[in-house]
Every structure is written in structure tokens, then in C-alpha cells.
Amino acid sequence: MQTLPIANIEALAARRLNEQQIADVLDISLEDLKKDREQISLFRVAIRKGRAKGEAELRGALYRRAKNGDIQAYSELLRREKQQDSD
């Protein structure tokens, strides 16, 4: 199997694409990937990291807006905080 494009997987995961969508965009067979435990593990770790990076970037942008007085951004930050606490 070819080397996975980890940076691309992370970037797509940051945009909240799911496993199948990421595989489709990168022309990777998800079914073949699932047959290789090491590769599917790397794929899923990259997705988890990418989603975390995307969330951090989004929260950073919301924080900056909230700090400048944007009440909607502040409310969204609070909503995300409550959602994270319930997960």
C-alpha cells in the first residue's frame, strides 16, 4: 500500500469531512485501507488530529471576535464549551 498523505488527511478532517469523503477526495479505497490495521490506524489518527486542529483554529477565530465585543461569537464559544463538556 502507498504512503498515506497525512497532511492532506488532516487538512480535510479539519474541514469536518468524514472518513469516506476524505478517502474519496484522496482517491483511497477505504475498504482496502480497513484491511491493513496499521494504515487504518494512521488514517484515523490523522483524522482525529485534523479535527482537533480545525476546532482550535475555529475557536481561535471566535475568541478574537468575542474579545472585540462580538456577542454572537461569545455565545458560540460558550455553546462549544458546553458541548465539549457533555462529550
Protein backbone atom coordinates (compact mmCIF):
# COMPACT_ATOMS: atom_id res chain seq x y z
CA MET A 1 0.00 0.00 0.00
CA GLN A 2 1.16 3.54 -0.75
CA THR A 3 2.16 6.02 1.93
CA LEU A 4 -0.80 7.95 3.26
CA PRO A 5 -0.83 11.72 2.65
CA ILE A 6 -1.16 12.55 6.36
CA ALA A 7 -1.07 16.35 5.92
CA ASN A 8 -3.86 16.17 3.33
CA ILE A 9 -5.94 13.89 5.54
CA GLU A 10 -5.55 16.29 8.46
CA ALA A 11 -6.47 19.30 6.31
CA LEU A 12 -9.65 17.63 5.04
CA ALA A 13 -10.58 16.42 8.52
CA ALA A 14 -10.17 19.99 9.79
CA ARG A 15 -13.00 20.87 7.40
CA ARG A 16 -15.12 18.15 9.08
CA LEU A 17 -15.22 15.72 6.16
CA ASN A 18 -15.92 12.15 7.25
CA GLU A 19 -13.70 9.11 6.61
CA GLN A 20 -15.38 8.14 3.37
CA GLN A 21 -15.36 11.67 1.99
CA ILE A 22 -11.66 12.05 2.78
CA ALA A 23 -10.88 8.72 1.13
CA ASP A 24 -12.91 9.71 -1.94
CA VAL A 25 -11.19 13.09 -2.31
CA LEU A 26 -7.76 11.47 -1.99
CA ASP A 27 -8.69 8.51 -4.22
CA ILE A 28 -8.02 6.00 -1.44
CA SER A 29 -10.02 2.79 -1.13
CA LEU A 30 -11.42 2.86 2.37
CA GLU A 31 -12.25 -0.84 2.13
CA ASP A 32 -8.63 -1.69 1.25
CA LEU A 33 -7.42 0.63 3.98
CA LYS A 34 -9.56 -1.15 6.58
CA LYS A 35 -7.81 -4.42 5.72
CA ASP A 36 -4.49 -3.02 6.94
CA ARG A 37 -4.66 -2.32 10.68
CA GLU A 38 -1.60 -0.11 10.74
CA GLN A 39 -2.74 2.04 7.80
CA ILE A 40 -6.32 2.47 9.05
CA SER A 41 -4.93 3.40 12.46
CA LEU A 42 -2.67 6.07 10.90
CA PHE A 43 -5.60 7.30 8.81
CA ARG A 44 -7.86 7.64 11.86
CA VAL A 45 -5.17 9.32 13.98
CA ALA A 46 -4.66 11.86 11.18
CA ILE A 47 -8.42 12.50 11.11
CA ARG A 48 -8.54 12.97 14.88
CA LYS A 49 -5.59 15.39 14.80
CA GLY A 50 -7.01 17.26 11.83
CA ARG A 51 -10.38 17.73 13.53
CA ALA A 52 -8.66 18.98 16.68
CA LYS A 53 -6.56 21.45 14.65
CA GLY A 54 -9.65 22.67 12.81
CA GLU A 55 -11.56 23.13 16.05
CA ALA A 56 -8.63 25.00 17.59
CA GLU A 57 -8.43 27.31 14.58
CA LEU A 58 -12.17 27.96 14.65
CA ARG A 59 -12.18 28.61 18.38
CA GLY A 60 -9.25 30.97 17.99
CA ALA A 61 -11.15 32.97 15.40
CA LEU A 62 -14.27 33.00 17.58
CA TYR A 63 -12.21 34.07 20.59
CA ARG A 64 -10.71 37.01 18.71
CA ARG A 65 -14.16 38.11 17.56
CA ALA A 66 -15.63 37.69 21.07
CA LYS A 67 -12.74 39.63 22.58
CA ASN A 68 -13.63 42.51 20.25
CA GLY A 69 -17.22 42.54 21.52
CA ASP A 70 -18.98 40.16 19.11
CA ILE A 71 -21.77 38.71 21.28
CA GLN A 72 -22.66 36.01 18.73
CA ALA A 73 -19.06 34.76 18.70
CA TYR A 74 -19.06 34.72 22.51
CA SER A 75 -22.31 32.74 22.54
CA GLU A 76 -20.90 30.24 20.04
CA LEU A 77 -17.79 29.78 22.18
CA LEU A 78 -19.98 29.07 25.21
CA ARG A 79 -22.09 26.62 23.20
CA ARG A 80 -18.99 24.77 22.04
CA GLU A 81 -17.66 24.68 25.60
CA LYS A 82 -20.90 23.14 26.89
CA GLN A 83 -20.93 20.66 24.02
CA GLN A 84 -17.33 19.63 24.75
CA ASP A 85 -18.15 19.16 28.44
CA SER A 86 -21.03 16.84 27.57
CA ASP A 87 -18.91 14.70 25.21
